[in-house]
PDB file of N, CA and C in Angstrom:
ATOM      1  N   UNK A   1     108.329 108.643 103.482  1.00  0.00           N
ATOM      2  CA  UNK A   1     109.213 107.517 103.762  1.00  0.00           C
ATOM      3  C   UNK A   1     108.579 106.245 103.201  1.00  0.00           C
ATOM      4  N   UNK A   2     109.376 105.454 102.532  1.00  0.00           N
ATOM      5  CA  UNK A   2     108.951 104.178 101.971  1.00  0.00           C
ATOM      6  C   UNK A   2     109.636 103.071 102.760  1.00  0.00           C
ATOM      7  N   UNK A   3     108.847 102.108 103.253  1.00  0.00           N
ATOM      8  CA  UNK A   3     109.403 100.943 103.950  1.00  0.00           C
ATOM      9  C   UNK A   3     109.032  99.691 103.181  1.00  0.00           C
ATOM     10  N   UNK A   4     110.029  98.925 102.778  1.00  0.00           N
ATOM     11  CA  UNK A   4     109.803  97.679 102.055  1.00  0.00           C
ATOM     12  C   UNK A   4     110.772  96.613 102.542  1.00  0.00           C
ATOM     13  N   UNK A   5     110.392  95.377 102.323  1.00  0.00           N
ATOM     14  CA  UNK A   5     111.275  94.250 102.617  1.00  0.00           C
ATOM     15  C   UNK A   5     112.012  93.886 101.328  1.00  0.00           C
ATOM     16  N   UNK A   6     113.334  93.823 101.355  1.00  0.00           N
ATOM     17  CA  UNK A   6     114.072  93.489 100.136  1.00  0.00           C
ATOM     18  C   UNK A   6     113.828  92.057  99.657  1.00  0.00           C
ATOM     19  N   UNK A   7     113.247  91.216 100.495  1.00  0.00           N
ATOM     20  CA  UNK A   7     113.007  89.820 100.138  1.00  0.00           C
ATOM     21  C   UNK A   7     111.551  89.541  99.775  1.00  0.00           C
ATOM     22  N   UNK A   8     110.608  90.128 100.477  1.00  0.00           N
ATOM     23  CA  UNK A   8     109.200  89.738 100.354  1.00  0.00           C
ATOM     24  C   UNK A   8     108.278  90.782  99.736  1.00  0.00           C
ATOM     25  N   UNK A   9     108.740  91.998  99.556  1.00  0.00           N
ATOM     26  CA  UNK A   9     107.852  93.049  99.046  1.00  0.00           C
ATOM     27  C   UNK A   9     107.589  92.942  97.544  1.00  0.00           C
ATOM     28  N   UNK A  10     108.384  92.131  96.853  1.00  0.00           N
ATOM     29  CA  UNK A  10     108.233  91.933  95.408  1.00  0.00           C
ATOM     30  C   UNK A  10     108.427  93.217  94.606  1.00  0.00           C
ATOM     31  N   UNK A  11     109.316  94.079  95.080  1.00  0.00           N
ATOM     32  CA  UNK A  11     109.690  95.293  94.349  1.00  0.00           C
ATOM     33  C   UNK A  11     111.210  95.441  94.393  1.00  0.00           C
ATOM     34  N   UNK A  12     111.751  96.063  93.366  1.00  0.00           N
ATOM     35  CA  UNK A  12     113.188  96.313  93.290  1.00  0.00           C
ATOM     36  C   UNK A  12     113.504  97.558  94.117  1.00  0.00           C
ATOM     37  N   UNK A  13     114.211  97.384  95.207  1.00  0.00           N
ATOM     38  CA  UNK A  13     114.531  98.486  96.116  1.00  0.00           C
ATOM     39  C   UNK A  13     115.310  99.578  95.390  1.00  0.00           C
ATOM     40  N   UNK A  14     116.187  99.211  94.474  1.00  0.00           N
ATOM     41  CA  UNK A  14     116.971 100.209  93.742  1.00  0.00           C
ATOM     42  C   UNK A  14     116.086 101.101  92.873  1.00  0.00           C
ATOM     43  N   UNK A  15     115.032 100.533  92.300  1.00  0.00           N
ATOM     44  CA  UNK A  15     114.098 101.340  91.502  1.00  0.00           C
ATOM     45  C   UNK A  15     113.374 102.346  92.391  1.00  0.00           C
ATOM     46  N   UNK A  16     113.005 101.927  93.586  1.00  0.00           N
ATOM     47  CA  UNK A  16     112.346 102.840  94.525  1.00  0.00           C
ATOM     48  C   UNK A  16     113.296 103.976  94.895  1.00  0.00           C
ATOM     49  N   UNK A  17     114.551 103.626  95.173  1.00  0.00           N
ATOM     50  CA  UNK A  17     115.546 104.642  95.541  1.00  0.00           C
ATOM     51  C   UNK A  17     115.777 105.641  94.415  1.00  0.00           C
ATOM     52  N   UNK A  18     115.707 105.183  93.168  1.00  0.00           N
ATOM     53  CA  UNK A  18     115.858 106.085  92.024  1.00  0.00           C
ATOM     54  C   UNK A  18     114.722 107.104  91.983  1.00  0.00           C
ATOM     55  N   UNK A  19     113.533 106.685  92.393  1.00  0.00           N
ATOM     56  CA  UNK A  19     112.358 107.560  92.331  1.00  0.00           C
ATOM     57  C   UNK A  19     112.331 108.549  93.489  1.00  0.00           C
ATOM     58  N   UNK A  20     112.542 108.064  94.717  1.00  0.00           N
ATOM     59  CA  UNK A  20     112.345 108.923  95.896  1.00  0.00           C
ATOM     60  C   UNK A  20     113.644 109.325  96.593  1.00  0.00           C
ATOM     61  N   UNK A  21     114.754 108.733  96.191  1.00  0.00           N
ATOM     62  CA  UNK A  21     116.028 109.044  96.835  1.00  0.00           C
ATOM     63  C   UNK A  21     116.335 108.064  97.951  1.00  0.00           C
ATOM     64  N   UNK A  22     117.601 107.763  98.085  1.00  0.00           N
ATOM     65  CA  UNK A  22     118.087 106.781  99.054  1.00  0.00           C
ATOM     66  C   UNK A  22     117.672 107.115 100.486  1.00  0.00           C
ATOM     67  N   UNK A  23     117.659 108.404 100.821  1.00  0.00           N
ATOM     68  CA  UNK A  23     117.349 108.833 102.187  1.00  0.00           C
ATOM     69  C   UNK A  23     115.881 108.639 102.563  1.00  0.00           C
ATOM     70  N   UNK A  24     115.027 108.368 101.576  1.00  0.00           N
ATOM     71  CA  UNK A  24     113.593 108.202 101.831  1.00  0.00           C
ATOM     72  C   UNK A  24     113.137 106.750 101.798  1.00  0.00           C
ATOM     73  N   UNK A  25     114.097 105.814 101.789  1.00  0.00           N
ATOM     74  CA  UNK A  25     113.774 104.388 101.717  1.00  0.00           C
ATOM     75  C   UNK A  25     114.381 103.665 102.910  1.00  0.00           C
ATOM     76  N   UNK A  26     113.551 102.893 103.583  1.00  0.00           N
ATOM     77  CA  UNK A  26     114.020 102.057 104.686  1.00  0.00           C
ATOM     78  C   UNK A  26     113.686 100.611 104.336  1.00  0.00           C
ATOM     79  N   UNK A  27     114.669  99.723 104.473  1.00  0.00           N
ATOM     80  CA  UNK A  27     114.434  98.319 104.160  1.00  0.00           C
ATOM     81  C   UNK A  27     114.505  97.477 105.421  1.00  0.00           C
ATOM     82  N   UNK A  28     113.773  96.391 105.397  1.00  0.00           N
ATOM     83  CA  UNK A  28     113.730  95.463 106.515  1.00  0.00           C
ATOM     84  C   UNK A  28     112.391  94.758 106.528  1.00  0.00           C
ATOM     85  N   UNK A  29     112.206  93.876 107.467  1.00  0.00           N
ATOM     86  CA  UNK A  29     110.956  93.134 107.570  1.00  0.00           C
ATOM     87  C   UNK A  29     109.799  94.098 107.834  1.00  0.00           C
ATOM     88  N   UNK A  30     108.714  93.934 107.063  1.00  0.00           N
ATOM     89  CA  UNK A  30     107.519  94.746 107.287  1.00  0.00           C
ATOM     90  C   UNK A  30     106.351  93.899 107.786  1.00  0.00           C
ATOM     91  N   UNK A  31     106.604  92.602 108.021  1.00  0.00           N
ATOM     92  CA  UNK A  31     105.603  91.724 108.620  1.00  0.00           C
ATOM     93  C   UNK A  31     104.428  91.375 107.733  1.00  0.00           C
ATOM     94  N   UNK A  32     104.608  91.382 106.418  1.00  0.00           N
ATOM     95  CA  UNK A  32     103.498  91.116 105.507  1.00  0.00           C
ATOM     96  C   UNK A  32     103.733  89.929 104.571  1.00  0.00           C
ATOM     97  N   UNK A  33     104.832  89.208 104.722  1.00  0.00           N
ATOM     98  CA  UNK A  33     105.181  88.169 103.747  1.00  0.00           C
ATOM     99  C   UNK A  33     104.180  87.014 103.712  1.00  0.00           C
ATOM    100  N   UNK A  34     103.557  86.704 104.808  1.00  0.00           N
ATOM    101  CA  UNK A  34     102.597  85.600 104.812  1.00  0.00           C
ATOM    102  C   UNK A  34     101.277  85.986 104.167  1.00  0.00           C
ATOM    103  N   UNK A  35     100.945  87.258 104.208  1.00  0.00           N
ATOM    104  CA  UNK A  35      99.665  87.724 103.680  1.00  0.00           C
ATOM    105  C   UNK A  35      99.688  87.945 102.173  1.00  0.00           C
ATOM    106  N   UNK A  36     100.826  88.356 101.643  1.00  0.00           N
ATOM    107  CA  UNK A  36     100.904  88.744 100.235  1.00  0.00           C
ATOM    108  C   UNK A  36     102.095  88.071  99.575  1.00  0.00           C
ATOM    109  N   UNK A  37     101.831  87.014  98.818  1.00  0.00           N
ATOM    110  CA  UNK A  37     102.910  86.242  98.194  1.00  0.00           C
ATOM    111  C   UNK A  37     103.322  86.804  96.832  1.00  0.00           C
ATOM    112  N   UNK A  38     102.348  87.304  96.052  1.00  0.00           N
ATOM    113  CA  UNK A  38     102.638  87.727  94.684  1.00  0.00           C
ATOM    114  C   UNK A  38     102.508  89.226  94.478  1.00  0.00           C
ATOM    115  N   UNK A  39     101.798  89.907  95.351  1.00  0.00           N
ATOM    116  CA  UNK A  39     101.579  91.339  95.202  1.00  0.00           C
ATOM    117  C   UNK A  39     102.819  92.132  95.606  1.00  0.00           C
ATOM    118  N   UNK A  40     102.896  93.345  95.085  1.00  0.00           N
ATOM    119  CA  UNK A  40     103.932  94.291  95.505  1.00  0.00           C
ATOM    120  C   UNK A  40     103.385  95.023  96.721  1.00  0.00           C
ATOM    121  N   UNK A  41     104.124  94.986  97.822  1.00  0.00           N
ATOM    122  CA  UNK A  41     103.602  95.520  99.079  1.00  0.00           C
ATOM    123  C   UNK A  41     104.683  96.287  99.830  1.00  0.00           C
ATOM    124  N   UNK A  42     104.255  97.345 100.488  1.00  0.00           N
ATOM    125  CA  UNK A  42     105.166  98.147 101.292  1.00  0.00           C
ATOM    126  C   UNK A  42     104.404  99.256 101.983  1.00  0.00           C
ATOM    127  N   UNK A  43     105.100  99.996 102.821  1.00  0.00           N
ATOM    128  CA  UNK A  43     104.489 101.119 103.528  1.00  0.00           C
ATOM    129  C   UNK A  43     104.935 102.420 102.870  1.00  0.00           C
ATOM    130  N   UNK A  44     103.962 103.241 102.516  1.00  0.00           N
ATOM    131  CA  UNK A  44     104.228 104.567 101.971  1.00  0.00           C
ATOM    132  C   UNK A  44     103.691 105.566 102.980  1.00  0.00           C
ATOM    133  N   UNK A  45     104.582 106.341 103.574  1.00  0.00           N
ATOM    134  CA  UNK A  45     104.209 107.309 104.613  1.00  0.00           C
ATOM    135  C   UNK A  45     103.375 106.664 105.721  1.00  0.00           C
ATOM    136  N   UNK A  46     103.784 105.454 106.138  1.00  0.00           N
ATOM    137  CA  UNK A  46     103.137 104.768 107.242  1.00  0.00           C
ATOM    138  C   UNK A  46     101.878 104.006 106.886  1.00  0.00           C
ATOM    139  N   UNK A  47     101.440 104.078 105.638  1.00  0.00           N
ATOM    140  CA  UNK A  47     100.223 103.396 105.206  1.00  0.00           C
ATOM    141  C   UNK A  47     100.584 102.182 104.353  1.00  0.00           C
ATOM    142  N   UNK A  48     100.008 101.019 104.688  1.00  0.00           N
ATOM    143  CA  UNK A  48     100.260  99.802 103.923  1.00  0.00           C
ATOM    144  C   UNK A  48      99.645  99.942 102.537  1.00  0.00           C
ATOM    145  N   UNK A  49     100.465  99.735 101.512  1.00  0.00           N
ATOM    146  CA  UNK A  49     100.006  99.823 100.126  1.00  0.00           C
ATOM    147  C   UNK A  49     100.246  98.478  99.464  1.00  0.00           C
ATOM    148  N   UNK A  50      99.195  97.934  98.851  1.00  0.00           N
ATOM    149  CA  UNK A  50      99.266  96.649  98.167  1.00  0.00           C
ATOM    150  C   UNK A  50      98.856  96.875  96.722  1.00  0.00           C
ATOM    151  N   UNK A  51      99.730  96.516  95.812  1.00  0.00           N
ATOM    152  CA  UNK A  51      99.438  96.660  94.387  1.00  0.00           C
ATOM    153  C   UNK A  51      99.623  95.312  93.713  1.00  0.00           C
ATOM    154  N   UNK A  52      98.981  95.147  92.571  1.00  0.00           N
ATOM    155  CA  UNK A  52      99.002  93.883  91.850  1.00  0.00           C
ATOM    156  C   UNK A  52     100.404  93.489  91.394  1.00  0.00           C
ATOM    157  N   UNK A  53     101.234  94.488  91.065  1.00  0.00           N
ATOM    158  CA  UNK A  53     102.586  94.193  90.590  1.00  0.00           C
ATOM    159  C   UNK A  53     103.526  95.364  90.891  1.00  0.00           C
ATOM    160  N   UNK A  54     104.795  95.154  90.599  1.00  0.00           N
ATOM    161  CA  UNK A  54     105.815  96.167  90.883  1.00  0.00           C
ATOM    162  C   UNK A  54     105.554  97.462  90.127  1.00  0.00           C
ATOM    163  N   UNK A  55     105.154  97.360  88.871  1.00  0.00           N
ATOM    164  CA  UNK A  55     104.913  98.556  88.054  1.00  0.00           C
ATOM    165  C   UNK A  55     103.870  99.472  88.700  1.00  0.00           C
ATOM    166  N   UNK A  56     102.775  98.898  89.180  1.00  0.00           N
ATOM    167  CA  UNK A  56     101.727  99.700  89.818  1.00  0.00           C
ATOM    168  C   UNK A  56     102.204 100.291  91.140  1.00  0.00           C
ATOM    169  N   UNK A  57     103.013  99.549  91.873  1.00  0.00           N
ATOM    170  CA  UNK A  57     103.557 100.059  93.134  1.00  0.00           C
ATOM    171  C   UNK A  57     104.468 101.260  92.872  1.00  0.00           C
ATOM    172  N   UNK A  58     105.316 101.155  91.861  1.00  0.00           N
ATOM    173  CA  UNK A  58     106.217 102.255  91.528  1.00  0.00           C
ATOM    174  C   UNK A  58     105.441 103.481  91.051  1.00  0.00           C
ATOM    175  N   UNK A  59     104.342 103.266  90.336  1.00  0.00           N
ATOM    176  CA  UNK A  59     103.493 104.392  89.915  1.00  0.00           C
ATOM    177  C   UNK A  59     102.893 105.087  91.126  1.00  0.00           C
ATOM    178  N   UNK A  60     102.503 104.311  92.127  1.00  0.00           N
ATOM    179  CA  UNK A  60     101.931 104.882  93.350  1.00  0.00           C
ATOM    180  C   UNK A  60     102.961 105.757  94.063  1.00  0.00           C
ATOM    181  N   UNK A  61     104.195 105.328  94.073  1.00  0.00           N
ATOM    182  CA  UNK A  61     105.265 106.103  94.705  1.00  0.00           C
ATOM    183  C   UNK A  61     105.506 107.403  93.936  1.00  0.00           C
ATOM    184  N   UNK A  62     105.381 107.343  92.630  1.00  0.00           N
ATOM    185  CA  UNK A  62     105.671 108.498  91.780  1.00  0.00           C
ATOM    186  C   UNK A  62     104.635 109.610  91.893  1.00  0.00           C
ATOM    187  N   UNK A  63     103.481 109.325  92.469  1.00  0.00           N
ATOM    188  CA  UNK A  63     102.402 110.331  92.557  1.00  0.00           C
ATOM    189  C   UNK A  63     102.827 111.536  93.345  1.00  0.00           C
TER     190      UNK A  63
END
């Protein structure tokens, strides 16, 4: 399960859904917007993942 904020995670939710499927993505506040302004951030299987940019975050999901 991937959890990201559509406003603050700095990743395109539709790109994530293309990779893992709509049923494996949950959107909403993840409580990290103050900590990470420019990084791509979200929860992958309950673990907070912080990457330098969207491309690296999407690669992490693809593993």
